[in-house]
Amino acid sequence: MKKKSPRITLAEVARQAGMSKTAASYALRDDPNIAPETRARIREVADALGYRPDPLLAKLMAHLHAGRGRRYAGKLAFLNVHEERDYWRTTAALSDFRRSAERRAGELGYQAEEFWLYEPGRTPRRLAQMLIARGIRGLVVGSTGRHGSVVEFPWAKFAAVTVGYSVERPTLHRVVTHHYRNTRLALRKATEAGHSRIGLLVDRGSEGAMEHLHLAAFLAYQQEIPETDRVPVWWCEGTGRRESLRRWYVAHRPQAVLSTGAVGNRELKEAGLQTPRDVALIKLLLWDAAETVPGVLPGYDRLGAAAINLLAGQLQHDDYGVPADPKIVLVEGLWSDGAPR
């Protein structure tokens, strides 16, 4: 039998680095009282030796520290990978996500700082070096705003989680609102309200960015109802959309329509339709519960916490680099009847 290699201990890391075991322990936990360059050096020594913390010991220590107040756990980075510096702040979904993530990070003892991938005069490699020097090994990667995006970055020494489906390569762990289940929820609510003829209004570009999951749920639903009640999908594309939407409505007479955001009350009104007199409107991506329109709140205010939980697990187990088995955490949306008119 092959002899098992001895486990590298913290004491060995400390000896090789020429410092005390206690100091090495604090350095590997990114304690701010240890200089950033020292933390980076200790981490390099630990990586070179193949040191891995004992998960059972880490769990025991977490239990022993419970009730002693929140302990500083380290720093995380919000990595903005969009060409616009303020994309986090100007996009409602990502603003909700960011607040949720920061709140959960604080609960776990982490501090979070934002970095823009496209900062003038700074390459991704240089940014990675800066993060390592500051003791940052965990990344929350934002959205590029475009489906199928490739993000170039030296991922090997970092744990990372992204939000949504925009970052296609590398294939990172990701947290996503459950578009499929959210659509099924909206269809069930529409049916319970007495609507048998239900239509779907989608934008081809944005639907592709969500892996066509609204469309998949809608088409699956149509296989469960009589053929006479099936309403063709209306695609919001090209010119003459107002006339196209009006012709579609007249031809198929839906009682309710689900919209992914391509069409709202204003667009329906421009097509000569009034809600809910002519047709009931249900939003599959409802960003504000104060709206009078019913729909599904997609839960980005909960996705952030899910991202931090997933990232913290990676950091605890030194799970760095592009994952061999990427995970997708799905968070279901919540139904809103809409605020009173």
Protein backbone atom coordinates (compact mmCIF):
# COMPACT_ATOMS: atom_id res chain seq x y z
CA MET A 1 0.00 0.00 0.00
CA LYS A 2 1.11 3.54 -0.78
CA LYS A 3 2.29 5.30 2.33
CA LYS A 4 0.15 8.32 3.17
CA SER A 5 2.04 11.64 3.23
CA PRO A 6 2.19 13.25 6.68
CA ARG A 7 -0.17 16.15 7.19
CA ILE A 8 1.48 19.57 7.07
CA THR A 9 0.84 21.27 10.38
CA LEU A 10 0.55 24.93 11.29
CA ALA A 11 3.70 24.53 13.38
CA GLU A 12 5.64 23.48 10.27
CA VAL A 13 4.34 26.50 8.34
CA ALA A 14 5.40 28.78 11.20
CA ARG A 15 8.87 27.18 11.37
CA GLN A 16 9.45 27.53 7.63
CA ALA A 17 8.29 31.16 7.77
CA GLY A 18 10.47 31.95 10.77
CA MET A 19 7.72 33.17 13.06
CA SER A 20 5.60 31.96 15.97
CA LYS A 21 2.73 29.51 15.53
CA THR A 22 0.28 32.07 16.94
CA ALA A 23 1.41 34.76 14.51
CA ALA A 24 1.17 32.32 11.59
CA SER A 25 -2.34 31.35 12.66
CA TYR A 26 -3.48 34.97 12.74
CA ALA A 27 -1.81 35.66 9.40
CA LEU A 28 -3.62 32.78 7.70
CA ARG A 29 -6.90 34.14 9.07
CA ASP A 30 -6.14 37.57 7.57
CA ASP A 31 -6.01 39.28 10.96
CA PRO A 32 -5.61 43.05 10.39
CA ASN A 33 -3.04 43.24 13.19
CA ILE A 34 -0.63 41.30 10.94
CA ALA A 35 0.96 43.39 8.20
CA PRO A 36 -0.47 42.67 4.70
CA GLU A 37 2.95 41.77 3.28
CA THR A 38 3.51 39.34 6.16
CA ARG A 39 0.12 37.75 5.61
CA ALA A 40 0.92 37.35 1.92
CA ARG A 41 4.31 35.76 2.70
CA ILE A 42 2.83 33.29 5.19
CA ARG A 43 0.14 32.35 2.69
CA GLU A 44 2.82 31.70 0.04
CA VAL A 45 4.73 29.46 2.45
CA ALA A 46 1.52 27.60 3.35
CA ASP A 47 0.62 27.13 -0.32
CA ALA A 48 4.11 25.90 -1.16
CA LEU A 49 4.01 23.33 1.64
CA GLY A 50 0.49 22.23 0.77
CA TYR A 51 -0.90 23.21 4.17
CA ARG A 52 -4.63 22.70 4.67
CA PRO A 53 -6.45 23.57 7.92
CA ASP A 54 -8.07 20.71 9.78
CA PRO A 55 -11.84 21.23 9.13
CA LEU A 56 -12.80 19.46 12.37
CA LEU A 57 -10.48 21.69 14.37
CA ALA A 58 -11.83 24.79 12.60
CA LYS A 59 -15.36 23.73 13.48
CA LEU A 60 -14.38 23.17 17.11
CA MET A 61 -12.71 26.57 17.35
CA ALA A 62 -15.76 28.25 15.81
CA HIS A 63 -17.90 26.57 18.49
CA LEU A 64 -15.55 27.69 21.26
CA HIS A 65 -15.61 31.28 20.00
CA ALA A 66 -19.39 31.33 19.72
CA GLY A 67 -20.95 33.86 22.04
CA ARG A 68 -17.74 35.87 22.43
CA GLY A 69 -18.85 38.53 19.97
CA ARG A 70 -18.33 38.78 16.24
CA ARG A 71 -14.73 38.02 15.28
CA TYR A 72 -13.00 39.54 12.27
CA ALA A 73 -12.81 36.82 9.61
CA GLY A 74 -11.01 38.64 6.82
CA LYS A 75 -11.70 40.69 3.74
CA LEU A 76 -13.72 39.96 0.62
CA ALA A 77 -13.75 41.79 -2.71
CA PHE A 78 -16.74 42.80 -4.81
CA LEU A 79 -15.28 42.51 -8.29
CA ASN A 80 -17.06 44.77 -10.77
CA VAL A 81 -16.53 43.16 -14.20
CA HIS A 82 -18.73 45.58 -16.15
CA GLU A 83 -17.25 48.27 -18.39
CA GLU A 84 -19.07 50.91 -16.33
CA ARG A 85 -17.56 51.71 -12.95
CA ASP A 86 -20.94 52.42 -11.31
CA TYR A 87 -22.82 49.43 -12.73
CA TRP A 88 -23.38 47.98 -9.23
CA ARG A 89 -25.12 51.18 -8.16
CA THR A 90 -27.18 51.97 -11.24
CA THR A 91 -28.70 48.49 -11.67
CA ALA A 92 -31.57 47.81 -9.25
CA ALA A 93 -31.04 44.05 -9.07
CA LEU A 94 -27.32 44.35 -8.33
CA SER A 95 -27.88 47.08 -5.76
CA ASP A 96 -30.24 44.76 -3.87
CA PHE A 97 -27.74 41.93 -4.26
CA ARG A 98 -24.86 44.06 -3.00
CA ARG A 99 -26.72 45.23 0.12
CA SER A 100 -27.73 41.66 0.94
CA ALA A 101 -24.17 40.40 0.44
CA GLU A 102 -22.61 43.14 2.57
CA ARG A 103 -25.07 42.50 5.38
CA ARG A 104 -24.35 38.76 5.41
CA ALA A 105 -20.60 39.31 5.12
CA GLY A 106 -20.72 41.53 8.18
CA GLU A 107 -22.66 38.90 10.10
CA LEU A 108 -19.89 36.40 9.36
CA GLY A 109 -17.16 38.85 10.35
CA TYR A 110 -15.96 39.82 6.88
CA GLN A 111 -15.22 43.27 5.54
CA ALA A 112 -15.98 43.91 1.87
CA GLU A 113 -14.33 46.29 -0.56
CA GLU A 114 -15.16 46.97 -4.21
CA PHE A 115 -12.64 46.76 -7.06
CA TRP A 116 -13.20 47.61 -10.71
CA LEU A 117 -11.59 45.16 -13.13
CA TYR A 118 -11.13 47.86 -15.77
CA GLU A 119 -9.46 50.51 -13.63
CA PRO A 120 -7.27 52.52 -16.06
CA GLY A 121 -3.60 51.61 -15.89
CA ARG A 122 -4.17 48.38 -13.96
CA THR A 123 -4.12 44.90 -15.46
CA PRO A 124 -6.06 41.91 -14.06
CA ARG A 125 -2.75 40.37 -12.99
CA ARG A 126 -1.77 43.49 -11.11
CA LEU A 127 -5.16 43.60 -9.44
CA ALA A 128 -4.74 39.99 -8.34
CA GLN A 129 -1.38 40.86 -6.79
CA MET A 130 -2.97 43.78 -4.95
CA LEU A 131 -5.71 41.57 -3.55
CA ILE A 132 -3.26 38.93 -2.36
CA ALA A 133 -1.14 41.62 -0.69
CA ARG A 134 -4.24 42.82 1.18
CA GLY A 135 -5.08 39.30 2.28
CA ILE A 136 -8.16 39.07 0.04
CA ARG A 137 -8.83 35.59 -1.31
CA GLY A 138 -12.62 35.65 -1.73
CA LEU A 139 -14.32 37.33 -4.71
CA VAL A 140 -17.97 38.16 -5.32
CA VAL A 141 -18.04 38.61 -9.09
CA GLY A 142 -20.72 40.90 -10.50
CA SER A 143 -22.61 40.75 -13.77
CA THR A 144 -21.24 41.88 -17.12
CA GLY A 145 -24.76 42.69 -18.31
CA ARG A 146 -24.22 40.46 -21.35
CA HIS A 147 -24.87 36.75 -21.76
CA GLY A 148 -21.92 34.57 -22.72
CA SER A 149 -19.22 36.84 -21.28
CA VAL A 150 -15.62 35.77 -20.77
CA VAL A 151 -13.79 37.36 -17.82
CA GLU A 152 -10.00 37.19 -17.93
CA PHE A 153 -8.47 37.09 -14.45
CA PRO A 154 -5.83 34.98 -12.61
CA TRP A 155 -8.33 32.84 -10.71
CA ALA A 156 -5.97 30.19 -9.31
CA LYS A 157 -5.43 31.73 -5.85
CA PHE A 158 -8.99 32.93 -5.31
CA ALA A 159 -12.37 31.54 -4.29
CA ALA A 160 -15.14 33.12 -6.34
CA VAL A 161 -18.91 33.25 -6.69
CA THR A 162 -20.77 35.12 -9.43
CA VAL A 163 -24.37 36.24 -9.74
CA GLY A 164 -26.64 35.35 -12.64
CA TYR A 165 -25.68 33.74 -15.93
CA SER A 166 -23.77 36.54 -17.67
CA VAL A 167 -20.27 35.22 -16.85
CA GLU A 168 -20.08 32.07 -18.95
CA ARG A 169 -16.32 31.51 -18.79
CA PRO A 170 -14.75 30.59 -16.55
CA THR A 171 -17.51 28.46 -15.09
CA LEU A 172 -17.63 29.68 -11.51
CA HIS A 173 -19.98 28.84 -8.67
CA ARG A 174 -23.03 31.07 -9.09
CA VAL A 175 -26.21 32.17 -7.36
CA VAL A 176 -29.29 32.78 -9.48
CA THR A 177 -32.96 33.57 -9.02
CA HIS A 178 -35.01 30.50 -9.93
CA HIS A 179 -36.50 31.80 -13.20
CA TYR A 180 -38.19 28.50 -14.03
CA ARG A 181 -39.92 28.07 -10.67
CA ASN A 182 -40.77 31.78 -10.57
CA THR A 183 -42.59 31.44 -13.90
CA ARG A 184 -44.47 28.38 -12.69
CA LEU A 185 -45.50 30.35 -9.59
CA ALA A 186 -46.85 33.19 -11.74
CA LEU A 187 -48.74 30.76 -13.97
CA ARG A 188 -50.31 29.11 -10.93
CA LYS A 189 -51.40 32.48 -9.52
CA ALA A 190 -52.87 33.49 -12.88
CA THR A 191 -54.77 30.22 -13.11
CA GLU A 192 -56.07 30.60 -9.56
CA ALA A 193 -57.34 34.06 -10.54
CA GLY A 194 -59.50 32.40 -13.19
CA HIS A 195 -57.37 33.04 -16.29
CA SER A 196 -57.24 30.14 -18.74
CA ARG A 197 -55.70 31.93 -21.73
CA ILE A 198 -52.29 33.19 -20.64
CA GLY A 199 -49.66 34.75 -22.88
CA LEU A 200 -45.94 35.40 -22.51
CA LEU A 201 -44.21 38.62 -23.64
CA VAL A 202 -40.44 38.34 -23.91
CA ASP A 203 -37.43 40.15 -25.26
CA ARG A 204 -35.19 37.78 -27.18
CA GLY A 205 -31.94 39.28 -25.92
CA SER A 206 -32.77 39.44 -22.22
CA GLU A 207 -34.45 36.03 -22.28
CA GLY A 208 -31.28 34.51 -23.68
CA ALA A 209 -29.35 36.06 -20.82
CA MET A 210 -31.59 34.10 -18.43
CA GLU A 211 -31.00 30.80 -20.23
CA HIS A 212 -34.53 30.90 -21.74
CA LEU A 213 -35.88 29.60 -18.44
CA HIS A 214 -39.07 31.70 -18.46
CA LEU A 215 -39.76 30.39 -21.94
CA ALA A 216 -39.03 26.80 -20.90
CA ALA A 217 -41.47 26.96 -17.99
CA PHE A 218 -44.15 28.58 -20.13
CA LEU A 219 -43.87 26.00 -22.93
CA ALA A 220 -43.95 23.17 -20.39
CA TYR A 221 -47.14 24.66 -18.92
CA GLN A 222 -48.72 24.81 -22.37
CA GLN A 223 -48.33 21.05 -22.74
CA GLU A 224 -50.53 20.63 -19.66
CA ILE A 225 -53.52 22.65 -20.89
CA PRO A 226 -56.01 22.16 -23.74
CA GLU A 227 -54.60 23.14 -27.12
CA THR A 228 -57.43 25.65 -27.58
CA ASP A 229 -56.15 27.63 -24.56
CA ARG A 230 -52.56 27.87 -25.77
CA VAL A 231 -51.42 31.37 -26.67
CA PRO A 232 -48.28 31.80 -28.83
CA VAL A 233 -45.34 33.69 -27.34
CA TRP A 234 -45.01 37.33 -28.40
CA TRP A 235 -41.42 38.38 -29.03
CA CYS A 236 -40.55 42.01 -28.37
CA GLU A 237 -38.16 42.68 -31.25
CA GLY A 238 -37.77 44.67 -34.43
CA THR A 239 -39.70 47.77 -35.44
CA GLY A 240 -43.44 48.36 -35.27
CA ARG A 241 -43.73 46.71 -31.86
CA ARG A 242 -46.85 48.64 -30.90
CA GLU A 243 -48.76 47.43 -33.96
CA SER A 244 -47.32 43.93 -33.61
CA LEU A 245 -48.45 43.68 -29.98
CA ARG A 246 -51.93 44.94 -30.88
CA ARG A 247 -52.29 42.40 -33.72
CA TRP A 248 -51.09 39.60 -31.46
CA TYR A 249 -53.63 40.52 -28.79
CA VAL A 250 -56.53 40.74 -31.26
CA ALA A 251 -55.59 37.40 -32.84
CA HIS A 252 -55.26 35.43 -29.59
CA ARG A 253 -57.24 37.35 -26.91
CA PRO A 254 -55.18 36.40 -23.83
CA GLN A 255 -56.86 37.06 -20.48
CA ALA A 256 -53.50 37.58 -18.76
CA VAL A 257 -49.94 38.17 -19.94
CA LEU A 258 -46.67 37.40 -18.20
CA SER A 259 -43.90 39.90 -18.97
CA THR A 260 -40.18 39.53 -18.31
CA GLY A 261 -39.80 43.30 -18.44
CA ALA A 262 -40.07 43.83 -22.17
CA VAL A 263 -43.62 45.13 -21.80
CA GLY A 264 -45.32 47.05 -19.01
CA ASN A 265 -48.44 49.15 -18.52
CA ARG A 266 -47.09 51.94 -20.74
CA GLU A 267 -46.39 49.64 -23.70
CA LEU A 268 -49.79 47.98 -23.39
CA LYS A 269 -51.47 51.37 -23.26
CA GLU A 270 -49.61 52.48 -26.38
CA ALA A 271 -50.96 49.36 -28.10
CA GLY A 272 -54.49 50.44 -27.16
CA LEU A 273 -54.91 48.08 -24.20
CA GLN A 274 -55.83 48.88 -20.61
CA THR A 275 -54.90 46.77 -17.58
CA PRO A 276 -56.65 45.06 -15.99
CA ARG A 277 -59.75 45.93 -18.07
CA ASP A 278 -58.55 44.33 -21.31
CA VAL A 279 -55.82 42.05 -20.02
CA ALA A 280 -54.17 41.31 -16.66
CA LEU A 281 -50.45 42.06 -16.50
CA ILE A 282 -48.12 39.94 -14.35
CA LYS A 283 -44.42 40.80 -14.04
CA LEU A 284 -41.96 37.93 -13.80
CA LEU A 285 -39.25 40.34 -12.63
CA LEU A 286 -40.95 42.68 -10.16
CA TRP A 287 -38.35 44.89 -8.52
CA ASP A 288 -40.58 46.85 -6.17
CA ALA A 289 -43.38 45.43 -4.03
CA ALA A 290 -44.88 48.92 -3.94
CA GLU A 291 -45.87 48.62 -7.60
CA THR A 292 -49.57 48.12 -8.26
CA VAL A 293 -48.77 45.35 -10.77
CA PRO A 294 -48.76 41.80 -9.37
CA GLY A 295 -45.78 39.58 -10.02
CA VAL A 296 -42.74 37.75 -8.69
CA LEU A 297 -40.10 39.49 -6.57
CA PRO A 298 -36.97 37.69 -7.86
CA GLY A 299 -35.14 37.76 -4.53
CA TYR A 300 -31.89 39.55 -5.30
CA ASP A 301 -32.15 40.89 -1.76
CA ARG A 302 -31.60 37.28 -0.68
CA LEU A 303 -29.20 36.19 -3.41
CA GLY A 304 -26.40 38.25 -1.88
CA ALA A 305 -26.55 36.34 1.39
CA ALA A 306 -26.57 33.04 -0.52
CA ALA A 307 -23.45 34.14 -2.41
CA ILE A 308 -21.57 34.99 0.80
CA ASN A 309 -22.54 31.68 2.41
CA LEU A 310 -21.23 29.82 -0.64
CA LEU A 311 -18.04 31.85 -0.71
CA ALA A 312 -17.39 31.47 3.02
CA GLY A 313 -17.58 27.69 2.63
CA GLN A 314 -14.94 27.79 -0.09
CA LEU A 315 -12.63 29.95 2.01
CA GLN A 316 -13.00 27.69 5.04
CA HIS A 317 -11.81 24.72 2.97
CA ASP A 318 -9.16 26.57 0.93
CA ASP A 319 -11.14 25.81 -2.20
CA TYR A 320 -9.39 28.08 -4.69
CA GLY A 321 -9.34 28.35 -8.47
CA VAL A 322 -11.91 27.54 -11.14
CA PRO A 323 -14.03 24.74 -9.65
CA ALA A 324 -14.04 21.28 -11.20
CA ASP A 325 -17.67 20.87 -10.15
CA PRO A 326 -19.29 24.32 -10.26
CA LYS A 327 -22.44 24.73 -8.21
CA ILE A 328 -25.55 26.77 -8.94
CA VAL A 329 -27.56 27.93 -5.92
CA LEU A 330 -31.14 28.74 -6.92
CA VAL A 331 -33.20 31.12 -4.80
CA GLU A 332 -36.96 31.11 -5.38
CA GLY A 333 -38.85 34.36 -5.84
CA LEU A 334 -41.76 35.59 -3.73
CA TRP A 335 -45.23 36.42 -5.00
CA SER A 336 -46.64 39.94 -4.65
CA ASP A 337 -50.30 40.76 -5.28
CA GLY A 338 -49.31 44.34 -6.03
CA ALA A 339 -49.98 47.40 -3.92
CA PRO A 340 -53.56 48.76 -3.88
CA ARG A 341 -54.28 51.16 -6.70
